[in-house]
Amino acid sequence: MLKWAIIFAIVSLVTGWLGFGAVAGITGTIAKVLFAIFLILFLLALLALTGIFNAL
């Protein structure tokens, strides 16, 4: 997930530099969404490993 977020961020930067504003905006949004999903899954995995869910 993080790998794809980084790839889309790089594509967004390159397309923005080349002047393709619409493509840069779309790929930037995709990168943000993928990064947010990665953070949520990472935090859930971290909580599961620390045993927080066992107390519930």
Protein backbone atom coordinates (compact mmCIF):
# COMPACT_ATOMS: atom_id res chain seq x y z
CA MET A 1 0.00 0.00 0.00
CA LEU A 2 2.76 2.43 0.94
CA LYS A 3 4.66 1.46 -2.20
CA TRP A 4 1.71 2.45 -4.40
CA ALA A 5 1.22 5.71 -2.50
CA ILE A 6 4.85 6.64 -3.13
CA ILE A 7 4.57 5.68 -6.81
CA PHE A 8 1.46 7.81 -7.28
CA ALA A 9 3.11 10.72 -5.44
CA ILE A 10 6.11 10.55 -7.78
CA VAL A 11 3.83 10.34 -10.83
CA SER A 12 1.93 13.35 -9.51
CA LEU A 13 5.13 15.36 -9.11
CA VAL A 14 6.40 14.45 -12.58
CA THR A 15 3.11 15.17 -14.32
CA GLY A 16 2.79 18.46 -12.45
CA TRP A 17 6.29 19.42 -13.53
CA LEU A 18 5.44 18.56 -17.14
CA GLY A 19 2.32 20.69 -17.04
CA PHE A 20 -0.42 18.09 -16.88
CA GLY A 21 -2.38 19.68 -14.04
CA ALA A 22 -5.45 17.46 -14.18
CA VAL A 23 -3.45 14.24 -14.12
CA ALA A 24 -1.27 15.61 -11.32
CA GLY A 25 -4.34 16.43 -9.25
CA ILE A 26 -5.91 13.03 -9.74
CA THR A 27 -2.75 11.09 -8.96
CA GLY A 28 -2.08 13.33 -5.97
CA THR A 29 -5.52 12.54 -4.60
CA ILE A 30 -5.00 8.82 -5.16
CA ALA A 31 -1.65 9.03 -3.33
CA LYS A 32 -3.30 10.78 -0.36
CA VAL A 33 -6.08 8.20 -0.14
CA LEU A 34 -3.67 5.27 -0.35
CA PHE A 35 -1.44 6.81 2.30
CA ALA A 36 -4.43 7.34 4.61
CA ILE A 37 -5.50 3.71 4.16
CA PHE A 38 -1.93 2.62 4.89
CA LEU A 39 -1.86 4.67 8.11
CA ILE A 40 -5.17 3.26 9.32
CA LEU A 41 -4.10 -0.33 8.63
CA PHE A 42 -0.70 0.27 10.20
CA LEU A 43 -2.24 1.67 13.38
CA LEU A 44 -4.69 -1.23 13.61
CA ALA A 45 -1.85 -3.72 13.18
CA LEU A 46 0.20 -1.89 15.80
CA LEU A 47 -2.69 -1.97 18.26
CA ALA A 48 -3.25 -5.65 17.57
CA LEU A 49 0.40 -6.47 18.18
CA THR A 50 0.51 -4.57 21.46
CA GLY A 51 -2.52 -6.45 22.76
CA ILE A 52 -4.90 -3.51 23.05
CA PHE A 53 -7.68 -5.54 21.44
CA ASN A 54 -7.26 -8.35 23.97
CA ALA A 55 -8.49 -6.04 26.76
CA LEU A 56 -11.78 -5.47 24.92
